[in-house]
Protein backbone atom coordinates (compact mmCIF):
# COMPACT_ATOMS: atom_id res chain seq x y z
CA MET A 1 19.14 68.51 60.17
CA SER A 2 19.05 72.01 61.75
CA ALA A 3 22.12 74.15 62.29
CA GLU A 4 21.97 73.32 66.02
CA GLN A 5 22.22 69.60 65.23
CA GLN A 6 25.02 69.65 62.70
CA PRO A 7 28.49 69.06 64.14
CA GLY A 8 30.68 72.15 63.94
CA SER A 9 27.87 74.41 62.72
CA LYS A 10 27.40 77.86 64.17
CA ILE A 11 24.16 79.19 65.60
CA ILE A 12 23.41 82.52 63.92
CA PHE A 13 21.40 84.92 66.05
CA PRO A 14 19.47 87.90 64.66
CA SER A 15 21.52 91.11 64.77
CA ILE A 16 20.53 94.76 64.52
CA GLY A 17 23.84 95.38 62.73
CA ARG A 18 26.14 98.36 62.84
CA ASP A 19 23.62 100.84 61.45
CA GLY A 20 20.91 99.74 63.87
CA THR A 21 23.36 100.08 66.75
CA ILE A 22 24.26 103.62 65.68
CA LEU A 23 20.58 104.59 65.52
CA LEU A 24 20.01 103.23 69.02
CA PHE A 25 22.98 105.29 70.20
CA SER A 26 21.20 108.28 68.61
CA VAL A 27 18.13 107.47 70.71
CA VAL A 28 20.34 107.44 73.81
CA ALA A 29 21.96 110.80 72.96
CA GLY A 30 18.76 112.56 71.89
CA SER A 31 16.77 111.44 74.92
CA THR A 32 19.64 112.10 77.34
CA ASP A 33 20.16 115.64 76.07
CA SER A 34 16.43 116.31 76.36
CA ILE A 35 16.16 114.82 79.84
CA SER A 36 19.12 116.83 81.11
CA TYR A 37 17.79 120.06 79.59
CA LEU A 38 14.26 119.60 80.96
CA GLY A 39 15.08 118.16 84.36
CA LEU A 40 18.60 119.22 85.30
CA GLY A 41 18.45 122.97 84.94
CA HIS A 42 18.72 123.59 81.20
CA VAL A 43 22.02 121.86 80.53
CA PHE A 44 23.16 119.56 77.73
CA THR A 45 25.17 116.48 78.67
CA ALA A 46 25.59 114.94 75.21
CA ASN A 47 25.91 117.99 72.98
CA MET A 48 28.97 119.87 74.18
CA THR A 49 28.57 122.56 71.50
CA GLY A 50 25.30 123.68 73.03
CA ASN A 51 26.60 123.19 76.54
CA THR A 52 29.63 125.38 75.86
CA VAL A 53 27.29 128.16 74.71
CA LEU A 54 25.22 127.75 77.89
CA LEU A 55 28.39 127.85 79.99
CA GLY A 56 29.53 131.04 78.26
CA LEU A 57 26.15 132.70 78.77
CA ALA A 58 26.13 131.75 82.45
CA LEU A 59 29.63 133.13 82.92
CA GLY A 60 28.72 136.33 81.09
CA ARG A 61 25.62 136.86 83.23
CA GLY A 62 27.25 135.82 86.50
CA GLN A 63 24.77 132.98 87.12
CA ALA A 64 26.73 130.74 89.47
CA PRO A 65 24.31 127.77 89.64
CA ALA A 66 24.09 127.60 85.84
CA GLU A 67 27.87 127.89 85.60
CA ILE A 68 28.32 124.90 87.90
CA ARG A 69 25.75 122.79 86.03
CA SER A 70 27.32 123.42 82.61
CA PHE A 71 30.83 122.95 84.00
CA MET A 72 29.86 119.62 85.59
CA ALA A 73 28.46 118.44 82.24
CA LEU A 74 31.69 119.42 80.52
CA ILE A 75 33.85 117.72 83.14
CA GLY A 76 31.73 114.57 83.01
CA PHE A 77 31.90 114.40 79.22
CA VAL A 78 35.68 114.90 79.13
CA LEU A 79 36.24 112.26 81.82
CA GLY A 80 33.92 109.89 79.94
CA ALA A 81 35.81 110.45 76.70
CA LEU A 82 39.09 109.81 78.54
CA VAL A 83 37.82 106.56 80.06
CA GLY A 84 36.27 105.48 76.75
CA ALA A 85 39.51 106.12 74.89
CA ILE A 86 41.54 104.14 77.44
CA ILE A 87 39.15 101.19 77.10
CA THR A 88 38.68 101.13 73.33
CA GLU A 89 42.31 101.84 72.41
CA ARG A 90 43.27 98.46 73.86
CA ASP A 91 42.26 96.93 70.52
CA GLN A 92 42.98 98.48 67.12
CA GLU A 93 40.20 96.52 65.42
CA HIS A 94 37.49 99.01 64.40
CA THR A 95 34.43 96.83 64.96
CA LEU A 96 31.48 96.86 67.34
CA TRP A 97 32.03 93.33 68.46
CA ASN A 98 35.54 93.27 69.91
CA GLY A 99 36.03 93.05 73.66
CA PRO A 100 37.00 96.66 74.42
CA MET A 101 34.10 98.10 72.41
CA THR A 102 31.64 95.81 74.17
CA GLY A 103 33.23 96.77 77.47
CA SER A 104 32.74 100.48 76.79
CA MET A 105 29.05 99.82 75.97
CA LEU A 106 28.63 97.89 79.21
CA LEU A 107 30.20 100.69 81.24
CA GLU A 108 27.96 103.26 79.57
CA GLY A 109 24.94 101.09 80.34
CA VAL A 110 25.89 100.76 84.01
CA ILE A 111 26.33 104.53 84.33
CA LEU A 112 23.00 105.28 82.62
CA ALA A 113 21.28 102.72 84.86
CA ALA A 114 22.82 104.35 87.96
CA PHE A 115 21.62 107.73 86.64
CA ALA A 116 18.04 106.43 86.22
CA VAL A 117 17.97 104.70 89.61
CA MET A 118 19.26 107.80 91.40
CA TRP A 119 16.71 110.00 89.64
CA TYR A 120 13.87 107.56 90.32
CA PHE A 121 14.50 107.07 94.04
CA ILE A 122 16.00 110.42 95.08
CA GLY A 123 14.81 112.93 92.49
CA ALA A 124 16.70 115.36 90.31
CA GLU A 125 16.19 118.43 92.48
CA ALA A 126 16.30 117.04 96.01
CA ILE A 127 19.45 119.03 96.81
CA PRO A 128 21.93 120.75 94.47
CA VAL A 129 24.62 118.12 95.01
CA ILE A 130 22.26 115.43 93.65
CA THR A 131 21.59 117.51 90.56
CA TYR A 132 25.33 117.95 90.00
CA ALA A 133 25.93 114.23 90.50
CA LEU A 134 23.25 113.36 87.93
CA ILE A 135 24.75 115.81 85.44
CA LEU A 136 28.20 114.32 86.00
CA LEU A 137 26.92 110.76 85.48
CA SER A 138 25.02 111.71 82.33
CA GLY A 139 28.02 113.54 80.86
CA LEU A 140 30.29 110.62 81.74
CA ALA A 141 28.06 108.19 79.83
CA MET A 142 27.84 110.47 76.79
CA GLY A 143 31.60 110.96 76.70
CA ILE A 144 32.10 107.20 76.60
CA GLN A 145 29.50 106.85 73.84
CA SER A 146 31.11 109.60 71.78
CA VAL A 147 34.44 107.76 71.78
CA THR A 148 32.75 104.44 70.99
CA ILE A 149 31.11 105.91 67.88
CA HIS A 150 34.33 107.68 66.90
CA ARG A 151 36.24 104.39 67.03
CA LEU A 152 33.99 102.97 64.29
CA ARG A 153 35.45 105.45 61.78
CA ILE A 154 32.14 106.03 60.00
CA SER A 155 32.44 109.14 57.87
CA GLY A 156 30.48 112.07 59.24
CA VAL A 157 28.56 110.14 61.91
CA ALA A 158 28.62 111.36 65.51
CA THR A 159 25.62 110.85 67.77
CA THR A 160 26.74 113.58 70.19
CA TYR A 161 27.82 116.10 67.52
CA ILE A 162 24.76 116.62 65.35
CA THR A 163 26.08 119.85 63.82
CA GLY A 164 29.00 117.93 62.32
CA THR A 165 26.71 115.14 61.11
CA LEU A 166 24.43 117.65 59.35
CA THR A 167 27.39 119.45 57.78
CA THR A 168 28.85 116.20 56.45
CA LEU A 169 25.40 115.12 55.23
CA VAL A 170 24.93 118.26 53.14
CA THR A 171 28.45 118.26 51.68
CA GLY A 172 28.16 114.53 51.03
CA LEU A 173 24.86 115.04 49.23
CA VAL A 174 26.46 117.63 46.95
CA ASN A 175 29.35 115.24 46.28
CA TRP A 176 26.90 112.41 45.51
CA LEU A 177 25.05 114.62 43.01
CA HIS A 178 28.40 115.55 41.50
CA VAL A 179 29.39 111.93 40.84
CA THR A 180 25.92 110.79 39.72
CA HIS A 181 25.06 113.83 37.59
CA PRO A 182 28.44 115.27 36.58
CA GLY A 183 26.89 117.32 33.79
CA TRP A 184 25.13 119.53 36.32
CA PHE A 185 28.49 120.75 37.63
CA ALA A 186 30.38 120.94 34.35
CA VAL A 187 28.56 123.29 32.00
CA GLY A 188 30.39 123.47 28.66
CA ARG A 189 32.77 120.59 29.48
CA ARG A 190 32.87 117.33 27.53
CA GLY A 191 33.88 113.80 28.34
CA ILE A 192 32.42 113.86 31.87
CA THR A 193 31.47 110.34 33.00
CA ARG A 194 29.45 108.98 35.90
CA ALA A 195 31.34 107.50 38.87
CA PRO A 196 31.52 103.69 39.23
CA GLU A 197 28.31 102.17 40.61
CA PRO A 198 29.91 100.64 43.75
CA TYR A 199 31.15 104.09 44.77
CA VAL A 200 27.74 105.62 44.11
CA GLN A 201 25.97 102.97 46.21
CA HIS A 202 28.46 103.32 49.07
CA SER A 203 28.04 107.11 49.08
CA LEU A 204 24.27 106.75 49.12
CA ARG A 205 24.43 104.33 52.06
CA VAL A 206 26.62 106.71 54.07
CA LEU A 207 24.25 109.59 53.33
CA GLY A 208 21.36 107.43 54.49
CA ILE A 209 22.86 106.64 57.88
CA GLN A 210 23.88 110.29 58.40
CA ALA A 211 20.34 111.47 57.70
CA ALA A 212 18.89 108.71 59.88
CA VAL A 213 21.10 109.71 62.83
CA TRP A 214 19.79 113.27 62.70
CA ILE A 215 16.16 112.17 62.29
CA VAL A 216 16.31 109.64 65.14
CA TYR A 217 18.05 112.17 67.42
CA ALA A 218 15.29 114.70 66.71
CA LEU A 219 12.49 112.15 67.14
CA SER A 220 13.99 111.04 70.45
CA ALA A 221 13.97 114.62 71.67
CA ILE A 222 10.34 115.03 70.56
CA ALA A 223 9.30 111.81 72.29
CA THR A 224 11.11 112.84 75.48
CA GLY A 225 9.42 116.24 75.42
CA VAL A 226 5.96 114.74 74.93
CA LEU A 227 6.37 111.99 77.53
CA GLY A 228 8.23 114.27 79.92
CA VAL A 229 5.15 116.44 80.30
CA HIS A 230 3.60 113.57 82.23
CA SER A 231 6.62 112.16 84.08
CA LEU A 232 10.35 112.57 83.55
CA VAL A 233 10.86 109.89 86.21
CA ILE A 234 9.63 107.33 83.68
CA VAL A 235 11.33 108.89 80.65
CA VAL A 236 14.79 108.58 82.24
CA TRP A 237 14.58 104.85 81.54
CA LEU A 238 14.38 105.40 77.76
CA PRO A 239 18.16 105.70 77.22
CA VAL A 240 18.68 102.75 79.56
CA VAL A 241 16.38 100.56 77.45
CA ALA A 242 18.09 101.68 74.23
CA ILE A 243 21.61 100.98 75.48
CA ALA A 244 20.45 97.66 76.97
CA ILE A 245 19.35 96.55 73.49
CA VAL A 246 22.75 97.58 72.11
CA ILE A 247 24.60 95.66 74.82
CA ALA A 248 22.42 92.56 74.46
CA ASN A 249 22.95 92.56 70.71
CA ALA A 250 26.73 92.90 71.11
CA LEU A 251 26.93 90.09 73.64
CA ILE A 252 24.72 87.77 71.59
CA HIS A 253 26.73 88.52 68.46
CA ARG A 254 30.02 87.78 70.24
CA TYR A 255 28.54 84.55 71.60
CA SER A 256 27.35 83.43 68.17
CA LEU A 257 30.81 84.10 66.70
CA SER A 258 32.45 82.01 69.40
CA ARG A 259 30.22 78.98 68.78
């Protein structure tokens, strides 16, 4: 008798898991940053480190339009982070599948969909106010996503802060080499032993996801650049598709757990 036919049995649906979800978030961030830079006047809406530099340069050169664009991205991101924190802090459980986390994903998806629809039907450069509105929406979505990832408490992983992810990856790699090959770091010392295998395997898994986040972010930017040469109007749907997969997976997972 199949699981569907057995009384009290649960239907288990395929799941992309936590790591797959994080990589899809990386697709969203990488493509969104690239879209905003190429089509919204050289501004970053996910990477606030780069956007802060652009804002400073614009202020230093007295370029008012660039100042407004970078400032709108910053405001949108901060507001998104605020909204995301209010939503996700309603539940102290650090999992992808609780109600508040799923709610924050849904809100991000709605905002990204509104961004794509506005771009598709109106255009990014129709009038300045439309450009500013698109920047604000994009920053809002990325602020929410940043808080969602932060709530998972995964060491060194941030899809909107790639500098920090790379830094943690390199220092983590050195630490992993230290615990797996202690003799390399202890010339002349005796009695050095290898770390327990569970710790080694956990460290390796964390390093893997950190490296994958950076690689997927970069590949998403490359794909956006290549496809954007032909039509950014089509490319703006890439982050929408990625977040839709994340949301569908979360909803299906929650449904399977409730069965």
